[in-house]
Amino acid sequence: MPERTVTVASSVGLHARPASLFSQAAAKAGVPVTLTSAAGKSVNAASILGVLSLGIGSGEEVTLASDAEGSEAALDELVALLSRDLDKE
């Protein structure tokens, strides 16, 4: 299963606006993506409530995974998104 690990760059982590932007992008990716926290809890990346429930802070590592065909490009785009400070955009 393709997966990527990335450090969350947003200054407040995946809360409020950054979580919303991320979950919207995951929903538009066209493939199911799982977001897993460093603590090992996994949620559907397209679910804003799921993403918020992880309580991911700035500088924390998360893993994105998808076993759908064509998921490599989607994972790369989501990693690029999490690598930016979404609070400043």
C-alpha atoms as a PDB file:
ATOM      1  CA  MET A   1       0.000   0.000   0.000  1.00  0.00           C
ATOM      2  CA  PRO A   2       1.466   3.376  -0.983  1.00  0.00           C
ATOM      3  CA  GLU A   3       2.044   5.660   1.979  1.00  0.00           C
ATOM      4  CA  ARG A   4       3.825   8.893   2.819  1.00  0.00           C
ATOM      5  CA  THR A   5       5.024  10.302   6.131  1.00  0.00           C
ATOM      6  CA  VAL A   6       5.102  14.070   6.544  1.00  0.00           C
ATOM      7  CA  THR A   7       5.650  16.614   9.305  1.00  0.00           C
ATOM      8  CA  VAL A   8       2.713  18.987   9.737  1.00  0.00           C
ATOM      9  CA  ALA A   9       3.974  22.524   9.057  1.00  0.00           C
ATOM     10  CA  SER A  10       0.918  24.589  10.046  1.00  0.00           C
ATOM     11  CA  SER A  11       1.673  26.647  13.139  1.00  0.00           C
ATOM     12  CA  VAL A  12      -1.467  25.394  14.931  1.00  0.00           C
ATOM     13  CA  GLY A  13      -1.287  21.863  13.533  1.00  0.00           C
ATOM     14  CA  LEU A  14      -4.344  20.295  11.941  1.00  0.00           C
ATOM     15  CA  HIS A  15      -6.961  22.411  13.677  1.00  0.00           C
ATOM     16  CA  ALA A  16      -9.784  24.555  12.269  1.00  0.00           C
ATOM     17  CA  ARG A  17      -8.757  26.097   8.940  1.00  0.00           C
ATOM     18  CA  PRO A  18      -5.788  23.815   8.130  1.00  0.00           C
ATOM     19  CA  ALA A  19      -7.846  20.710   8.929  1.00  0.00           C
ATOM     20  CA  SER A  20     -10.680  21.990   6.751  1.00  0.00           C
ATOM     21  CA  LEU A  21      -8.387  22.721   3.803  1.00  0.00           C
ATOM     22  CA  PHE A  22      -6.717  19.335   4.160  1.00  0.00           C
ATOM     23  CA  SER A  23      -9.922  17.303   4.433  1.00  0.00           C
ATOM     24  CA  GLN A  24     -11.433  19.138   1.440  1.00  0.00           C
ATOM     25  CA  ALA A  25      -8.334  18.357  -0.634  1.00  0.00           C
ATOM     26  CA  ALA A  26      -8.480  14.706   0.474  1.00  0.00           C
ATOM     27  CA  ALA A  27     -12.141  14.517  -0.561  1.00  0.00           C
ATOM     28  CA  LYS A  28     -11.310  15.975  -3.993  1.00  0.00           C
ATOM     29  CA  ALA A  29      -8.402  13.551  -4.478  1.00  0.00           C
ATOM     30  CA  GLY A  30     -10.738  10.936  -5.906  1.00  0.00           C
ATOM     31  CA  VAL A  31      -9.220   8.079  -3.894  1.00  0.00           C
ATOM     32  CA  PRO A  32      -9.811   7.050  -0.280  1.00  0.00           C
ATOM     33  CA  VAL A  33      -6.947   8.240   1.932  1.00  0.00           C
ATOM     34  CA  THR A  34      -6.257   7.271   5.539  1.00  0.00           C
ATOM     35  CA  LEU A  35      -4.546   9.714   7.909  1.00  0.00           C
ATOM     36  CA  THR A  36      -2.662   8.113  10.802  1.00  0.00           C
ATOM     37  CA  SER A  37      -1.246  10.029  13.759  1.00  0.00           C
ATOM     38  CA  ALA A  38       2.077   9.240  15.428  1.00  0.00           C
ATOM     39  CA  ALA A  39       0.020   7.632  18.205  1.00  0.00           C
ATOM     40  CA  GLY A  40      -1.320   5.114  15.686  1.00  0.00           C
ATOM     41  CA  LYS A  41      -4.936   6.293  15.422  1.00  0.00           C
ATOM     42  CA  SER A  42      -6.276   6.303  11.852  1.00  0.00           C
ATOM     43  CA  VAL A  43      -9.164   8.234  10.300  1.00  0.00           C
ATOM     44  CA  ASN A  44     -10.595   8.937   6.867  1.00  0.00           C
ATOM     45  CA  ALA A  45      -8.591  11.959   5.648  1.00  0.00           C
ATOM     46  CA  ALA A  46     -11.689  13.398   3.942  1.00  0.00           C
ATOM     47  CA  SER A  47     -13.544  13.622   7.267  1.00  0.00           C
ATOM     48  CA  ILE A  48     -13.054  16.996   8.955  1.00  0.00           C
ATOM     49  CA  LEU A  49     -14.332  15.591  12.261  1.00  0.00           C
ATOM     50  CA  GLY A  50     -11.981  12.624  11.984  1.00  0.00           C
ATOM     51  CA  VAL A  51      -8.985  14.854  11.258  1.00  0.00           C
ATOM     52  CA  LEU A  52      -9.842  17.170  14.163  1.00  0.00           C
ATOM     53  CA  SER A  53     -10.310  14.198  16.500  1.00  0.00           C
ATOM     54  CA  LEU A  54      -6.643  13.269  16.105  1.00  0.00           C
ATOM     55  CA  GLY A  55      -5.512  16.523  17.754  1.00  0.00           C
ATOM     56  CA  ILE A  56      -2.408  16.761  15.565  1.00  0.00           C
ATOM     57  CA  GLY A  57      -0.126  19.649  16.504  1.00  0.00           C
ATOM     58  CA  SER A  58       2.502  21.564  14.601  1.00  0.00           C
ATOM     59  CA  GLY A  59       5.668  19.565  13.969  1.00  0.00           C
ATOM     60  CA  GLU A  60       3.988  16.192  14.475  1.00  0.00           C
ATOM     61  CA  GLU A  61       4.505  13.433  11.942  1.00  0.00           C
ATOM     62  CA  VAL A  62       1.516  11.837  10.255  1.00  0.00           C
ATOM     63  CA  THR A  63       1.212   9.067   7.690  1.00  0.00           C
ATOM     64  CA  LEU A  64      -1.051   9.157   4.650  1.00  0.00           C
ATOM     65  CA  ALA A  65      -1.953   5.894   2.948  1.00  0.00           C
ATOM     66  CA  SER A  66      -4.196   4.658   0.155  1.00  0.00           C
ATOM     67  CA  ASP A  67      -4.364   1.350  -1.654  1.00  0.00           C
ATOM     68  CA  ALA A  68      -6.480   2.696  -4.522  1.00  0.00           C
ATOM     69  CA  GLU A  69      -5.140   2.693  -8.052  1.00  0.00           C
ATOM     70  CA  GLY A  70      -3.620   6.063  -8.926  1.00  0.00           C
ATOM     71  CA  SER A  71      -3.170   7.068  -5.309  1.00  0.00           C
ATOM     72  CA  GLU A  72       0.524   7.988  -5.656  1.00  0.00           C
ATOM     73  CA  ALA A  73      -0.220  11.427  -7.164  1.00  0.00           C
ATOM     74  CA  ALA A  74      -2.985  12.123  -4.642  1.00  0.00           C
ATOM     75  CA  LEU A  75      -0.702  11.268  -1.729  1.00  0.00           C
ATOM     76  CA  ASP A  76       2.049  13.499  -3.140  1.00  0.00           C
ATOM     77  CA  GLU A  77      -0.381  16.434  -3.411  1.00  0.00           C
ATOM     78  CA  LEU A  78      -1.635  15.953   0.146  1.00  0.00           C
ATOM     79  CA  VAL A  79       1.921  15.722   1.483  1.00  0.00           C
ATOM     80  CA  ALA A  80       2.775  18.982  -0.290  1.00  0.00           C
ATOM     81  CA  LEU A  81      -0.271  20.589   1.316  1.00  0.00           C
ATOM     82  CA  LEU A  82       0.679  19.470   4.838  1.00  0.00           C
ATOM     83  CA  SER A  83       4.250  20.656   4.269  1.00  0.00           C
ATOM     84  CA  ARG A  84       3.049  24.271   4.060  1.00  0.00           C
ATOM     85  CA  ASP A  85       1.837  26.563   6.853  1.00  0.00           C
ATOM     86  CA  LEU A  86      -1.834  26.656   5.890  1.00  0.00           C
ATOM     87  CA  ASP A  87      -2.546  29.260   8.576  1.00  0.00           C
ATOM     88  CA  LYS A  88      -0.578  31.864   6.638  1.00  0.00           C
ATOM     89  CA  GLU A  89      -2.224  31.291   3.266  1.00  0.00           C
END
